[in-house]
Amino acid sequence: MAEPTQVVVSSEAGLAQEIVSGNHRWHADEPAPFGTDAGPSPYELLLASLGACTSMTLRLYAQRKGMDLQRIIVRLQHYRIHAEDCRDCETKAGFLDRIDREIQLSGNIDEAQKRRLLEIAERCPVHRTLKSEINIRTSLIT
């Protein structure tokens, strides 16, 4: 089993949060009027994680295969939608979350390579985590 990833989140004033992971420190918050916009919102952080993992996965694959992939841009949007509006979803009642991910690739790569990279994007670890069953165990520390 791999060593677990650890992140510590501490509340600050209002809804602002300090996030620490290893040597990295940053902030999360909600935009006004609920927060002070001191950092990205939790959903923006989630999208950033998926986008970063997608881009890293594509870069590693392209390097391993000797592709001349110059730049990767991943644009993401999160929505809450009516389940009945989603033809491809298992959930048919209530609401569900949808993430739209657009990937822009530049470099000397042909259409077959672009199609393959699109397939590889589906295999990034964060994508797989979000699509799998997630078991979140919560405990109170005193």
C-alpha atoms as a PDB file:
ATOM      1  CA  MET A   1       0.000   0.000   0.000  1.00  0.00           C
ATOM      2  CA  ALA A   2       1.313   3.452  -0.909  1.00  0.00           C
ATOM      3  CA  GLU A   3       1.998   6.031   1.758  1.00  0.00           C
ATOM      4  CA  PRO A   4      -1.108   8.189   2.317  1.00  0.00           C
ATOM      5  CA  THR A   5      -1.298  11.767   1.133  1.00  0.00           C
ATOM      6  CA  GLN A   6      -1.771  14.117   4.057  1.00  0.00           C
ATOM      7  CA  VAL A   7      -3.241  17.598   3.990  1.00  0.00           C
ATOM      8  CA  VAL A   8      -4.089  19.660   7.071  1.00  0.00           C
ATOM      9  CA  VAL A   9      -6.810  22.313   6.810  1.00  0.00           C
ATOM     10  CA  SER A  10      -7.292  24.857   9.627  1.00  0.00           C
ATOM     11  CA  SER A  11     -10.032  27.437   9.893  1.00  0.00           C
ATOM     12  CA  GLU A  12      -9.120  31.093   9.981  1.00  0.00           C
ATOM     13  CA  ALA A  13     -11.475  34.102  10.140  1.00  0.00           C
ATOM     14  CA  GLY A  14     -14.898  33.580   8.587  1.00  0.00           C
ATOM     15  CA  LEU A  15     -14.839  30.823   5.970  1.00  0.00           C
ATOM     16  CA  ALA A  16     -11.149  31.263   5.092  1.00  0.00           C
ATOM     17  CA  GLN A  17      -9.018  28.134   5.510  1.00  0.00           C
ATOM     18  CA  GLU A  18      -5.279  27.581   5.668  1.00  0.00           C
ATOM     19  CA  ILE A  19      -4.123  24.451   3.823  1.00  0.00           C
ATOM     20  CA  VAL A  20      -0.760  22.802   4.523  1.00  0.00           C
ATOM     21  CA  SER A  21       0.679  19.870   2.583  1.00  0.00           C
ATOM     22  CA  GLY A  22       4.342  19.091   3.122  1.00  0.00           C
ATOM     23  CA  ASN A  23       6.300  22.279   2.350  1.00  0.00           C
ATOM     24  CA  HIS A  24       3.315  23.930   0.638  1.00  0.00           C
ATOM     25  CA  ARG A  25       0.912  26.384   2.229  1.00  0.00           C
ATOM     26  CA  TRP A  26      -2.050  28.110   0.613  1.00  0.00           C
ATOM     27  CA  HIS A  27      -5.594  29.303   1.358  1.00  0.00           C
ATOM     28  CA  ALA A  28      -9.154  28.433   0.423  1.00  0.00           C
ATOM     29  CA  ASP A  29     -12.232  30.584   0.871  1.00  0.00           C
ATOM     30  CA  GLU A  30     -15.595  31.396  -0.641  1.00  0.00           C
ATOM     31  CA  PRO A  31     -16.242  34.473  -2.737  1.00  0.00           C
ATOM     32  CA  ALA A  32     -18.228  37.399  -1.294  1.00  0.00           C
ATOM     33  CA  PRO A  33     -20.777  37.735   0.149  1.00  0.00           C
ATOM     34  CA  PHE A  34     -20.159  34.483   2.089  1.00  0.00           C
ATOM     35  CA  GLY A  35     -16.369  34.668   2.302  1.00  0.00           C
ATOM     36  CA  THR A  36     -13.585  37.135   1.602  1.00  0.00           C
ATOM     37  CA  ASP A  37     -12.219  35.426  -1.536  1.00  0.00           C
ATOM     38  CA  ALA A  38      -8.836  34.832   0.144  1.00  0.00           C
ATOM     39  CA  GLY A  39      -8.295  31.755  -2.029  1.00  0.00           C
ATOM     40  CA  PRO A  40      -9.998  29.310  -4.366  1.00  0.00           C
ATOM     41  CA  SER A  41     -13.290  27.735  -3.306  1.00  0.00           C
ATOM     42  CA  PRO A  42     -13.379  24.019  -2.424  1.00  0.00           C
ATOM     43  CA  TYR A  43     -14.843  23.176  -5.837  1.00  0.00           C
ATOM     44  CA  GLU A  44     -12.190  25.261  -7.583  1.00  0.00           C
ATOM     45  CA  LEU A  45      -9.548  23.262  -5.694  1.00  0.00           C
ATOM     46  CA  LEU A  46     -11.235  20.020  -6.780  1.00  0.00           C
ATOM     47  CA  LEU A  47     -11.242  21.145 -10.422  1.00  0.00           C
ATOM     48  CA  ALA A  48      -7.615  22.264 -10.119  1.00  0.00           C
ATOM     49  CA  SER A  49      -6.668  18.804  -8.837  1.00  0.00           C
ATOM     50  CA  LEU A  50      -8.364  17.107 -11.781  1.00  0.00           C
ATOM     51  CA  GLY A  51      -6.872  19.559 -14.279  1.00  0.00           C
ATOM     52  CA  ALA A  52      -3.345  19.267 -12.898  1.00  0.00           C
ATOM     53  CA  CYS A  53      -3.511  15.467 -12.805  1.00  0.00           C
ATOM     54  CA  THR A  54      -4.888  15.341 -16.354  1.00  0.00           C
ATOM     55  CA  SER A  55      -2.116  17.564 -17.695  1.00  0.00           C
ATOM     56  CA  MET A  56       0.620  15.689 -15.805  1.00  0.00           C
ATOM     57  CA  THR A  57      -0.684  12.311 -16.999  1.00  0.00           C
ATOM     58  CA  LEU A  58      -0.767  13.494 -20.626  1.00  0.00           C
ATOM     59  CA  ARG A  59       2.736  15.000 -20.360  1.00  0.00           C
ATOM     60  CA  LEU A  60       4.219  11.776 -18.942  1.00  0.00           C
ATOM     61  CA  TYR A  61       2.509   9.631 -21.579  1.00  0.00           C
ATOM     62  CA  ALA A  62       3.593  11.909 -24.439  1.00  0.00           C
ATOM     63  CA  GLN A  63       7.203  11.950 -23.193  1.00  0.00           C
ATOM     64  CA  ARG A  64       7.273   8.154 -22.862  1.00  0.00           C
ATOM     65  CA  LYS A  65       5.897   7.738 -26.400  1.00  0.00           C
ATOM     66  CA  GLY A  66       8.200  10.387 -27.900  1.00  0.00           C
ATOM     67  CA  MET A  67       5.341  12.684 -28.937  1.00  0.00           C
ATOM     68  CA  ASP A  68       6.100  16.320 -29.709  1.00  0.00           C
ATOM     69  CA  LEU A  69       3.438  17.621 -27.322  1.00  0.00           C
ATOM     70  CA  GLN A  70       4.316  21.247 -26.552  1.00  0.00           C
ATOM     71  CA  ARG A  71       1.479  22.585 -24.405  1.00  0.00           C
ATOM     72  CA  ILE A  72      -1.566  21.255 -22.596  1.00  0.00           C
ATOM     73  CA  ILE A  73      -4.412  23.461 -21.416  1.00  0.00           C
ATOM     74  CA  VAL A  74      -7.222  21.906 -19.371  1.00  0.00           C
ATOM     75  CA  ARG A  75     -10.392  23.945 -18.772  1.00  0.00           C
ATOM     76  CA  LEU A  76     -12.902  22.645 -16.246  1.00  0.00           C
ATOM     77  CA  GLN A  77     -16.353  23.650 -15.071  1.00  0.00           C
ATOM     78  CA  HIS A  78     -18.492  22.160 -12.302  1.00  0.00           C
ATOM     79  CA  TYR A  79     -22.298  22.071 -12.402  1.00  0.00           C
ATOM     80  CA  ARG A  80     -25.146  20.686 -10.312  1.00  0.00           C
ATOM     81  CA  ILE A  81     -27.665  19.332 -12.810  1.00  0.00           C
ATOM     82  CA  HIS A  82     -31.000  17.512 -12.737  1.00  0.00           C
ATOM     83  CA  ALA A  83     -30.299  13.789 -13.037  1.00  0.00           C
ATOM     84  CA  GLU A  84     -33.106  13.466 -15.571  1.00  0.00           C
ATOM     85  CA  ASP A  85     -31.128  15.755 -17.916  1.00  0.00           C
ATOM     86  CA  CYS A  86     -28.203  13.306 -18.065  1.00  0.00           C
ATOM     87  CA  ARG A  87     -28.665  10.518 -20.623  1.00  0.00           C
ATOM     88  CA  ASP A  88     -25.383   8.773 -19.714  1.00  0.00           C
ATOM     89  CA  CYS A  89     -25.820   8.800 -15.912  1.00  0.00           C
ATOM     90  CA  GLU A  90     -26.909   5.963 -13.644  1.00  0.00           C
ATOM     91  CA  THR A  91     -28.715   8.344 -11.278  1.00  0.00           C
ATOM     92  CA  LYS A  92     -32.124   9.202 -12.705  1.00  0.00           C
ATOM     93  CA  ALA A  93     -33.724  11.267  -9.886  1.00  0.00           C
ATOM     94  CA  GLY A  94     -32.673  14.384  -8.009  1.00  0.00           C
ATOM     95  CA  PHE A  95     -29.436  16.214  -8.713  1.00  0.00           C
ATOM     96  CA  LEU A  96     -25.931  15.134  -9.592  1.00  0.00           C
ATOM     97  CA  ASP A  97     -22.577  16.757 -10.138  1.00  0.00           C
ATOM     98  CA  ARG A  98     -21.186  17.185 -13.631  1.00  0.00           C
ATOM     99  CA  ILE A  99     -17.696  18.301 -14.563  1.00  0.00           C
ATOM    100  CA  ASP A 100     -17.015  19.458 -18.106  1.00  0.00           C
ATOM    101  CA  ARG A 101     -13.340  19.049 -19.033  1.00  0.00           C
ATOM    102  CA  GLU A 102     -11.941  20.539 -22.233  1.00  0.00           C
ATOM    103  CA  ILE A 103      -8.385  19.685 -23.238  1.00  0.00           C
ATOM    104  CA  GLN A 104      -6.371  21.762 -25.697  1.00  0.00           C
ATOM    105  CA  LEU A 105      -3.212  20.159 -27.083  1.00  0.00           C
ATOM    106  CA  SER A 106      -0.570  21.916 -29.136  1.00  0.00           C
ATOM    107  CA  GLY A 107       2.576  20.638 -30.763  1.00  0.00           C
ATOM    108  CA  ASN A 108       3.491  18.493 -33.724  1.00  0.00           C
ATOM    109  CA  ILE A 109       0.950  15.740 -33.035  1.00  0.00           C
ATOM    110  CA  ASP A 110      -1.477  14.138 -35.470  1.00  0.00           C
ATOM    111  CA  GLU A 111      -5.168  13.333 -35.022  1.00  0.00           C
ATOM    112  CA  ALA A 112      -4.504   9.710 -34.016  1.00  0.00           C
ATOM    113  CA  GLN A 113      -2.146  10.898 -31.261  1.00  0.00           C
ATOM    114  CA  LYS A 114      -4.716  13.449 -30.080  1.00  0.00           C
ATOM    115  CA  ARG A 115      -7.397  10.733 -29.880  1.00  0.00           C
ATOM    116  CA  ARG A 116      -5.017   8.505 -27.901  1.00  0.00           C
ATOM    117  CA  LEU A 117      -4.189  11.345 -25.506  1.00  0.00           C
ATOM    118  CA  LEU A 118      -7.907  11.913 -24.968  1.00  0.00           C
ATOM    119  CA  GLU A 119      -8.228   8.227 -23.990  1.00  0.00           C
ATOM    120  CA  ILE A 120      -5.252   8.577 -21.643  1.00  0.00           C
ATOM    121  CA  ALA A 121      -6.885  11.603 -19.949  1.00  0.00           C
ATOM    122  CA  GLU A 122      -9.616   9.245 -18.721  1.00  0.00           C
ATOM    123  CA  ARG A 123      -6.921   7.285 -16.863  1.00  0.00           C
ATOM    124  CA  CYS A 124      -5.432  10.053 -14.749  1.00  0.00           C
ATOM    125  CA  PRO A 125      -5.433   8.994 -11.077  1.00  0.00           C
ATOM    126  CA  VAL A 126      -7.658  11.847  -9.851  1.00  0.00           C
ATOM    127  CA  HIS A 127     -10.182  11.123 -12.627  1.00  0.00           C
ATOM    128  CA  ARG A 128     -10.230   7.467 -11.585  1.00  0.00           C
ATOM    129  CA  THR A 129     -10.693   8.438  -7.938  1.00  0.00           C
ATOM    130  CA  LEU A 130     -13.601  10.750  -8.725  1.00  0.00           C
ATOM    131  CA  LYS A 131     -15.290   8.076 -10.856  1.00  0.00           C
ATOM    132  CA  SER A 132     -14.821   5.298  -8.269  1.00  0.00           C
ATOM    133  CA  GLU A 133     -16.528   4.555  -5.004  1.00  0.00           C
ATOM    134  CA  ILE A 134     -14.938   6.721  -2.325  1.00  0.00           C
ATOM    135  CA  ASN A 135     -14.980   5.632   1.312  1.00  0.00           C
ATOM    136  CA  ILE A 136     -14.590   8.665   3.580  1.00  0.00           C
ATOM    137  CA  ARG A 137     -14.114   7.817   7.257  1.00  0.00           C
ATOM    138  CA  THR A 138     -14.566  10.704   9.688  1.00  0.00           C
ATOM    139  CA  SER A 139     -13.569  10.701  13.333  1.00  0.00           C
ATOM    140  CA  LEU A 140     -13.469  13.316  16.066  1.00  0.00           C
ATOM    141  CA  ILE A 141     -10.109  13.935  17.768  1.00  0.00           C
ATOM    142  CA  THR A 142     -10.210  15.285  21.305  1.00  0.00           C
END
